[in-house]
Amino acid sequence: MQAPQRHSRARSAFEYLFDPDSIAVIGASNDPVKPGGRLFKTIQAHDYDGALWPVNPGAELIMG
């Protein structure tokens, strides 16, 4: 008897959640004291190998 399809989809959804190909940091900041700056810097410091997208319409460049 085969397992229902929804079990494999749930596992796949968790994989996307816990091992994403990219991360967008909404409210990223150049100020490492602000939450968006701290989160962005922490992700960079831990050598995340996916695409990292800082999102802040008020800044042209975030942490280089």
N, C-alpha and C. Protein backbone atom coordinates (compact mmCIF):
# COMPACT_ATOMS: atom_id res chain seq x y z
N MET A 1 0.84 -1.18 0.00
CA MET A 1 0.00 0.00 0.00
C MET A 1 0.88 1.25 0.00
N GLN A 2 0.60 2.19 -0.86
CA GLN A 2 1.39 3.41 -0.95
C GLN A 2 0.92 4.45 0.06
N ALA A 3 1.89 5.25 0.53
CA ALA A 3 1.55 6.36 1.44
C ALA A 3 0.81 7.44 0.66
N PRO A 4 -0.09 8.14 1.29
CA PRO A 4 -0.79 9.24 0.62
C PRO A 4 0.19 10.32 0.15
N GLN A 5 -0.12 10.96 -0.95
CA GLN A 5 0.72 12.00 -1.53
C GLN A 5 0.94 13.17 -0.59
N ARG A 6 -0.02 13.51 0.24
CA ARG A 6 0.12 14.69 1.09
C ARG A 6 1.31 14.59 2.04
N HIS A 7 1.71 13.38 2.43
CA HIS A 7 2.86 13.22 3.32
C HIS A 7 4.14 13.66 2.62
N SER A 8 4.31 13.29 1.36
CA SER A 8 5.52 13.69 0.64
C SER A 8 5.51 15.20 0.38
N ARG A 9 4.33 15.79 0.15
CA ARG A 9 4.25 17.24 -0.05
C ARG A 9 4.60 17.98 1.24
N ALA A 10 4.15 17.48 2.39
CA ALA A 10 4.45 18.13 3.66
C ALA A 10 5.95 18.09 3.92
N ARG A 11 6.58 17.00 3.63
CA ARG A 11 8.03 16.89 3.81
C ARG A 11 8.74 17.87 2.89
N SER A 12 8.28 17.97 1.67
CA SER A 12 8.87 18.90 0.72
C SER A 12 8.69 20.35 1.20
N ALA A 13 7.54 20.66 1.76
CA ALA A 13 7.29 22.01 2.27
C ALA A 13 8.25 22.34 3.41
N PHE A 14 8.52 21.37 4.27
CA PHE A 14 9.47 21.59 5.36
C PHE A 14 10.88 21.79 4.83
N GLU A 15 11.23 21.07 3.80
CA GLU A 15 12.55 21.25 3.20
C GLU A 15 12.70 22.66 2.65
N TYR A 16 11.68 23.16 2.00
CA TYR A 16 11.72 24.53 1.50
C TYR A 16 11.82 25.54 2.64
N LEU A 17 11.17 25.26 3.74
CA LEU A 17 11.17 26.17 4.87
C LEU A 17 12.51 26.19 5.59
N PHE A 18 13.09 25.02 5.83
CA PHE A 18 14.31 24.93 6.63
C PHE A 18 15.60 24.90 5.82
N ASP A 19 15.50 24.73 4.51
CA ASP A 19 16.69 24.74 3.65
C ASP A 19 16.36 25.50 2.37
N PRO A 20 16.10 26.81 2.47
CA PRO A 20 15.67 27.58 1.30
C PRO A 20 16.82 27.84 0.34
N ASP A 21 16.45 28.04 -0.93
CA ASP A 21 17.44 28.40 -1.96
C ASP A 21 17.79 29.88 -1.88
N SER A 22 16.89 30.68 -1.32
CA SER A 22 17.14 32.11 -1.19
C SER A 22 16.36 32.65 0.01
N ILE A 23 16.84 33.79 0.51
CA ILE A 23 16.19 34.46 1.64
C ILE A 23 16.10 35.95 1.32
N ALA A 24 14.93 36.53 1.51
CA ALA A 24 14.74 37.97 1.38
C ALA A 24 14.59 38.53 2.80
N VAL A 25 15.41 39.51 3.13
CA VAL A 25 15.32 40.15 4.45
C VAL A 25 14.58 41.47 4.25
N ILE A 26 13.31 41.48 4.64
CA ILE A 26 12.48 42.66 4.51
C ILE A 26 12.86 43.65 5.61
N GLY A 27 13.21 44.86 5.23
CA GLY A 27 13.64 45.86 6.21
C GLY A 27 15.11 45.78 6.53
N ALA A 28 15.89 45.18 5.62
CA ALA A 28 17.33 45.10 5.83
C ALA A 28 17.90 46.50 6.01
N SER A 29 18.93 46.61 6.82
CA SER A 29 19.49 47.92 7.17
C SER A 29 21.00 47.86 7.18
N ASN A 30 21.63 49.00 6.95
CA ASN A 30 23.08 49.12 7.07
C ASN A 30 23.51 49.22 8.53
N ASP A 31 22.58 49.46 9.40
CA ASP A 31 22.87 49.61 10.83
C ASP A 31 22.76 48.24 11.51
N PRO A 32 23.89 47.64 11.92
CA PRO A 32 23.84 46.30 12.52
C PRO A 32 23.16 46.24 13.88
N VAL A 33 22.79 47.39 14.44
CA VAL A 33 22.07 47.41 15.72
C VAL A 33 20.57 47.25 15.50
N LYS A 34 20.08 47.69 14.35
CA LYS A 34 18.66 47.55 14.02
C LYS A 34 18.36 46.09 13.69
N PRO A 35 17.13 45.64 13.95
CA PRO A 35 16.80 44.22 13.71
C PRO A 35 17.08 43.76 12.27
N GLY A 36 16.72 44.55 11.27
CA GLY A 36 16.96 44.16 9.88
C GLY A 36 18.43 44.09 9.55
N GLY A 37 19.23 44.95 10.11
CA GLY A 37 20.67 44.93 9.90
C GLY A 37 21.32 43.77 10.63
N ARG A 38 20.85 43.50 11.83
CA ARG A 38 21.40 42.40 12.62
C ARG A 38 21.11 41.06 11.95
N LEU A 39 19.88 40.88 11.48
CA LEU A 39 19.51 39.63 10.80
C LEU A 39 20.33 39.44 9.53
N PHE A 40 20.43 40.50 8.72
CA PHE A 40 21.18 40.41 7.47
C PHE A 40 22.65 40.06 7.73
N LYS A 41 23.25 40.73 8.70
CA LYS A 41 24.66 40.49 9.03
C LYS A 41 24.87 39.07 9.58
N THR A 42 23.94 38.60 10.38
CA THR A 42 24.05 37.25 10.95
C THR A 42 23.98 36.19 9.85
N ILE A 43 23.08 36.36 8.90
CA ILE A 43 22.98 35.40 7.80
C ILE A 43 24.27 35.41 6.98
N GLN A 44 24.80 36.59 6.70
CA GLN A 44 26.07 36.69 5.97
C GLN A 44 27.21 36.03 6.74
N ALA A 45 27.27 36.26 8.04
CA ALA A 45 28.37 35.76 8.86
C ALA A 45 28.37 34.22 8.97
N HIS A 46 27.22 33.61 8.78
CA HIS A 46 27.14 32.15 8.91
C HIS A 46 27.22 31.46 7.55
N ASP A 47 27.78 32.14 6.57
CA ASP A 47 28.08 31.57 5.26
C ASP A 47 26.90 30.87 4.59
N TYR A 48 25.74 31.51 4.63
CA TYR A 48 24.58 30.99 3.90
C TYR A 48 24.95 30.93 2.43
N ASP A 49 24.75 29.79 1.78
CA ASP A 49 25.21 29.63 0.41
C ASP A 49 24.14 29.88 -0.64
N GLY A 50 22.94 30.28 -0.23
CA GLY A 50 21.89 30.62 -1.18
C GLY A 50 21.93 32.11 -1.51
N ALA A 51 20.97 32.54 -2.31
CA ALA A 51 20.85 33.96 -2.65
C ALA A 51 20.27 34.72 -1.46
N LEU A 52 20.88 35.84 -1.14
CA LEU A 52 20.43 36.67 -0.02
C LEU A 52 20.00 38.02 -0.58
N TRP A 53 18.73 38.35 -0.40
CA TRP A 53 18.16 39.57 -0.99
C TRP A 53 17.77 40.56 0.10
N PRO A 54 18.51 41.67 0.25
CA PRO A 54 18.10 42.71 1.18
C PRO A 54 16.99 43.56 0.55
N VAL A 55 15.94 43.81 1.28
CA VAL A 55 14.83 44.60 0.76
C VAL A 55 14.64 45.83 1.63
N ASN A 56 14.93 47.00 1.07
CA ASN A 56 14.73 48.26 1.75
C ASN A 56 14.64 49.34 0.68
N PRO A 57 13.42 49.82 0.40
CA PRO A 57 13.25 50.80 -0.68
C PRO A 57 13.97 52.13 -0.41
N GLY A 58 14.39 52.39 0.82
CA GLY A 58 15.05 53.64 1.14
C GLY A 58 16.57 53.58 1.03
N ALA A 59 17.10 52.43 0.64
CA ALA A 59 18.56 52.28 0.56
C ALA A 59 18.94 51.71 -0.80
N GLU A 60 20.03 52.24 -1.36
CA GLU A 60 20.50 51.74 -2.64
C GLU A 60 21.40 50.53 -2.45
N LEU A 61 22.13 50.47 -1.33
CA LEU A 61 23.07 49.39 -1.08
C LEU A 61 23.01 49.01 0.40
N ILE A 62 22.97 47.72 0.69
CA ILE A 62 22.93 47.23 2.06
C ILE A 62 24.19 46.41 2.33
N MET A 63 25.01 46.85 3.25
CA MET A 63 26.22 46.15 3.69
C MET A 63 27.06 45.59 2.54
N GLY A 64 27.25 46.40 1.54
CA GLY A 64 28.13 46.02 0.43
C GLY A 64 27.46 45.12 -0.54
